[in-house]
Structure formats: structure tokens, C-alpha cells
């Protein structure tokens, strides 16, 4: 499957979730080199996803970008399938729901 097709499937899935907005990051002469393919917000948290074809991995520069975004608090990772993204967002959803429940108990 082409990276473009995987990217489109991931964006469609993410935008079907509640409180998520995701979009494709386009490259150009003024763009940040090696930035992630998809960025967005999930319940107010920024995320960056580098998409690869199955069997491929990000370049050193792409790994560096993801790590630099993690240091700012972004949920930054790479995926070679929609299923990988679903695993991450299912886990995020569970953890955020736990935090919301805890906050309700404290208030």
C-alpha cells in the first residue's frame, strides 16, 4: 500500500473520533525539514505522526523531528498502518478518561 493511502486512511479515522482534528502536513520550500506527515489536536493535546509504508522506518532526520516534538509535549510517533494509530489513540483515550474520572473525584 502506498504511504499516501495509509496517510489518508489515518486522517479519515482520526477525524471520525470525538474531539480530534487531524490534517496532512504539506512540504514546500518554507516548510520545516523532515516534519511529520500528519499533525493535529486530540482533546487539546498536539500530536504528530510520521507515516511509512509497511517495512519502512523513518529517516534519522524524521526520528529527530519526532523526538524534538516529544520534548515540547507533543504525542509524536511513527506508524506504518492504521492499526498502529488505533492502538495509540485507544490507549490515549483510556488514560485521559482515567484522568477525567480522577479530576471529577477531586472536585
Protein backbone atom coordinates (compact mmCIF):
# COMPACT_ATOMS: atom_id res chain seq x y z
CA UNK A 1 0.00 0.00 0.00
CA UNK A 2 1.26 3.49 -0.80
CA UNK A 3 2.20 5.86 2.03
CA UNK A 4 -0.33 8.35 0.65
CA UNK A 5 -3.15 5.80 1.01
CA UNK A 6 -2.14 4.93 4.57
CA UNK A 7 -1.96 8.65 5.43
CA UNK A 8 -5.44 9.29 4.03
CA UNK A 9 -6.92 6.35 5.96
CA UNK A 10 -5.32 7.56 9.20
CA UNK A 11 -6.59 11.12 8.74
CA UNK A 12 -10.10 9.89 7.94
CA UNK A 13 -10.07 7.68 11.06
CA UNK A 14 -8.70 10.40 13.34
CA UNK A 15 -11.26 12.96 12.14
CA UNK A 16 -14.04 10.46 12.88
CA UNK A 17 -13.08 10.50 16.57
CA UNK A 18 -14.68 12.84 19.06
CA UNK A 19 -12.61 15.94 19.89
CA UNK A 20 -9.95 15.27 17.23
CA UNK A 21 -8.81 17.39 14.30
CA UNK A 22 -6.08 15.99 12.06
CA UNK A 23 -4.60 17.15 8.78
CA UNK A 24 -1.87 16.35 6.28
CA UNK A 25 1.23 18.48 6.57
CA UNK A 26 2.39 19.52 3.13
CA UNK A 27 6.01 20.17 2.34
CA UNK A 28 7.44 23.08 0.44
CA UNK A 29 10.37 25.43 0.26
CA UNK A 30 9.41 27.21 3.52
CA UNK A 31 8.44 24.06 5.41
CA UNK A 32 10.31 22.56 8.34
CA UNK A 33 12.53 19.77 7.01
CA UNK A 34 11.58 16.21 7.98
CA UNK A 35 8.39 17.24 9.75
CA UNK A 36 5.73 14.61 10.37
CA UNK A 37 3.12 13.73 7.73
CA UNK A 38 0.11 14.28 9.99
CA UNK A 39 -0.46 16.73 12.79
CA UNK A 40 -3.46 17.69 14.85
CA UNK A 41 -5.07 18.03 18.23
CA UNK A 42 -6.71 15.40 20.44
CA UNK A 43 -8.63 16.82 23.38
CA UNK A 44 -6.28 19.79 23.37
CA UNK A 45 -3.11 17.72 23.05
CA UNK A 46 -0.97 18.14 19.95
CA UNK A 47 0.08 15.05 18.02
CA UNK A 48 2.50 14.43 15.16
CA UNK A 49 2.56 11.19 13.17
CA UNK A 50 5.18 10.17 10.63
CA UNK A 51 3.65 7.67 8.20
CA UNK A 52 5.65 4.95 6.48
CA UNK A 53 4.86 2.06 4.16
CA UNK A 54 4.93 -1.32 5.93
CA UNK A 55 8.53 -2.45 6.33
CA UNK A 56 9.96 1.07 6.12
CA UNK A 57 11.18 3.22 9.00
CA UNK A 58 11.66 6.98 9.40
CA UNK A 59 14.95 8.57 8.45
CA UNK A 60 17.33 9.84 11.14
CA UNK A 61 16.08 13.38 10.50
CA UNK A 62 12.44 12.26 10.88
CA UNK A 63 13.25 10.47 14.15
CA UNK A 64 14.98 13.65 15.33
CA UNK A 65 11.88 15.71 14.49
CA UNK A 66 9.60 13.32 16.38
CA UNK A 67 11.90 13.34 19.42
CA UNK A 68 12.12 17.14 19.37
CA UNK A 69 8.31 17.35 19.30
CA UNK A 70 8.03 14.90 22.20
CA UNK A 71 10.25 17.25 24.23
CA UNK A 72 7.67 20.01 23.73
CA UNK A 73 4.85 17.76 24.96
CA UNK A 74 3.53 16.54 21.62
CA UNK A 75 2.35 12.96 21.24
CA UNK A 76 4.78 12.14 18.45
CA UNK A 77 5.29 8.73 16.87
CA UNK A 78 5.55 6.92 13.56
CA UNK A 79 3.17 4.35 12.14
CA UNK A 80 3.11 2.04 9.15
CA UNK A 81 -0.59 1.19 9.41
CA UNK A 82 -3.95 2.49 10.57
CA UNK A 83 -3.98 -0.29 13.17
CA UNK A 84 -0.87 1.15 14.87
CA UNK A 85 -2.54 4.55 15.15
CA UNK A 86 -5.71 2.97 16.56
CA UNK A 87 -3.64 1.24 19.27
CA UNK A 88 -2.04 4.54 20.31
CA UNK A 89 -5.29 6.51 20.32
CA UNK A 90 -7.22 3.77 22.15
CA UNK A 91 -4.55 3.87 24.88
CA UNK A 92 -4.63 7.68 24.98
CA UNK A 93 -8.41 7.64 25.28
CA UNK A 94 -8.28 5.23 28.22
CA UNK A 95 -5.62 7.24 30.06
CA UNK A 96 -7.36 10.58 29.53
CA UNK A 97 -10.67 9.10 30.70
CA UNK A 98 -8.87 7.89 33.87
CA UNK A 99 -7.55 11.40 34.47
CA UNK A 100 -11.01 12.91 33.86
CA UNK A 101 -12.51 10.47 36.38
CA UNK A 102 -9.87 11.34 38.94
CA UNK A 103 -10.49 15.06 38.44
CA UNK A 104 -14.22 14.53 38.99
CA UNK A 105 -13.47 12.81 42.30
CA UNK A 106 -11.27 15.70 43.41
CA UNK A 107 -13.83 18.39 42.59
